[in-house]
């Protein structure tokens, strides 16, 4: 499967990948201290399998570095225009969005499902 990295943490060797089939996002969890150098916007190829209701990426391989450098910000901007994510950056004052994870509110998402 091919996909574009939306988010990565190189220190923890983790990434979230938007898959070419536009299904659920895939999560990559490598060994801490591993050699993954994926960054947001990279096009990668990987093996996909499901476990515990999650899609997991295995053995990612970089195809093109920074092939889609604005994809994450484009998705964030589109979400803000639809009103499903905040338009401003997260802040400590706005505790709903203070973490790295955007909470999905069922009532809002049902309107777009």
Protein backbone atom coordinates (compact mmCIF):
# COMPACT_ATOMS: atom_id res chain seq x y z
CA UNK A 1 0.00 0.00 0.00
CA UNK A 2 1.10 3.57 -0.62
CA UNK A 3 0.33 6.49 1.66
CA UNK A 4 1.35 9.96 2.74
CA UNK A 5 2.65 10.60 6.25
CA UNK A 6 0.36 13.08 8.03
CA UNK A 7 2.22 13.14 11.34
CA UNK A 8 5.38 11.59 12.71
CA UNK A 9 7.48 11.50 15.86
CA UNK A 10 10.98 10.44 14.92
CA UNK A 11 12.15 10.16 18.54
CA UNK A 12 9.43 7.63 19.35
CA UNK A 13 9.51 6.13 15.82
CA UNK A 14 5.78 6.60 15.24
CA UNK A 15 3.69 7.91 12.34
CA UNK A 16 0.12 8.31 11.09
CA UNK A 17 -0.36 7.62 7.38
CA UNK A 18 -3.19 8.53 4.99
CA UNK A 19 -3.63 5.44 2.80
CA UNK A 20 -4.07 5.41 -0.97
CA UNK A 21 -7.41 3.57 -0.63
CA UNK A 22 -8.79 6.49 1.45
CA UNK A 23 -9.84 4.02 4.13
CA UNK A 24 -8.98 4.46 7.80
CA UNK A 25 -5.61 5.98 8.60
CA UNK A 26 -2.74 3.59 9.27
CA UNK A 27 -0.62 3.81 12.41
CA UNK A 28 3.08 2.96 12.40
CA UNK A 29 4.79 2.05 15.66
CA UNK A 30 8.41 1.07 15.24
CA UNK A 31 11.00 0.29 17.87
CA UNK A 32 11.99 3.35 19.90
CA UNK A 33 15.35 4.47 18.61
CA UNK A 34 14.67 2.74 15.29
CA UNK A 35 15.79 4.07 11.95
CA UNK A 36 12.52 5.56 10.72
CA UNK A 37 13.08 9.02 9.30
CA UNK A 38 9.54 9.59 8.03
CA UNK A 39 8.30 13.16 8.15
CA UNK A 40 4.93 14.71 7.38
CA UNK A 41 4.43 14.90 3.63
CA UNK A 42 6.57 11.88 2.72
CA UNK A 43 5.18 9.30 0.28
CA UNK A 44 5.80 5.81 1.68
CA UNK A 45 5.08 2.22 0.71
CA UNK A 46 4.22 -0.26 3.45
CA UNK A 47 2.58 -3.56 4.33
CA UNK A 48 -0.87 -3.08 5.85
CA UNK A 49 -2.63 -5.30 8.35
CA UNK A 50 -5.45 -4.87 10.84
CA UNK A 51 -5.31 -5.66 14.53
CA UNK A 52 -7.65 -4.62 17.34
CA UNK A 53 -9.78 -2.50 14.97
CA UNK A 54 -6.75 -0.53 13.80
CA UNK A 55 -4.89 -0.39 10.53
CA UNK A 56 -1.20 -0.89 11.14
CA UNK A 57 1.64 -0.06 8.77
CA UNK A 58 4.61 -2.43 8.74
CA UNK A 59 7.99 -2.11 7.04
CA UNK A 60 7.52 1.42 5.67
CA UNK A 61 9.82 2.39 2.83
CA UNK A 62 10.35 5.97 1.71
CA UNK A 63 9.34 6.48 -1.93
CA UNK A 64 9.51 10.28 -2.24
CA UNK A 65 10.61 12.64 0.49
CA UNK A 66 8.23 15.60 1.05
CA UNK A 67 6.10 14.73 -1.98
CA UNK A 68 3.03 16.30 -0.33
CA UNK A 69 4.50 18.91 2.06
CA UNK A 70 1.26 20.84 2.60
CA UNK A 71 -1.18 17.92 2.94
CA UNK A 72 -1.49 18.11 6.75
CA UNK A 73 -2.07 21.86 6.75
CA UNK A 74 -4.47 21.58 3.79
CA UNK A 75 -6.55 19.00 5.69
CA UNK A 76 -6.49 21.14 8.84
CA UNK A 77 -7.65 24.18 6.84
CA UNK A 78 -10.44 22.19 5.14
CA UNK A 79 -11.58 20.89 8.55
CA UNK A 80 -11.67 24.42 9.92
CA UNK A 81 -13.76 25.58 6.96
CA UNK A 82 -16.24 22.76 7.66
CA UNK A 83 -16.25 23.63 11.36
CA UNK A 84 -15.04 20.20 12.50
CA UNK A 85 -11.63 21.35 13.80
CA UNK A 86 -10.57 24.68 15.33
CA UNK A 87 -9.26 27.32 12.96
CA UNK A 88 -6.65 28.50 15.47
CA UNK A 89 -3.69 26.56 16.76
CA UNK A 90 -4.27 24.59 19.96
CA UNK A 91 -3.65 26.47 23.20
CA UNK A 92 -3.61 25.66 26.89
CA UNK A 93 -6.63 27.95 27.32
CA UNK A 94 -8.65 25.77 24.96
CA UNK A 95 -8.33 22.47 26.80
CA UNK A 96 -10.43 20.49 24.25
CA UNK A 97 -7.65 20.98 21.74
CA UNK A 98 -4.61 21.27 23.99
CA UNK A 99 -3.37 17.75 23.18
CA UNK A 100 -1.89 16.51 19.89
CA UNK A 101 -5.14 14.68 19.17
CA UNK A 102 -8.19 16.53 17.86
CA UNK A 103 -11.29 15.16 19.64
CA UNK A 104 -14.09 14.20 17.28
CA UNK A 105 -17.46 15.29 18.55
CA UNK A 106 -20.11 12.82 17.43
CA UNK A 107 -22.83 15.44 16.98
CA UNK A 108 -20.66 17.50 14.64
CA UNK A 109 -19.32 14.53 12.73
CA UNK A 110 -22.79 13.02 12.19
CA UNK A 111 -23.73 16.00 10.04
CA UNK A 112 -20.85 15.23 7.65
CA UNK A 113 -21.07 11.44 7.66
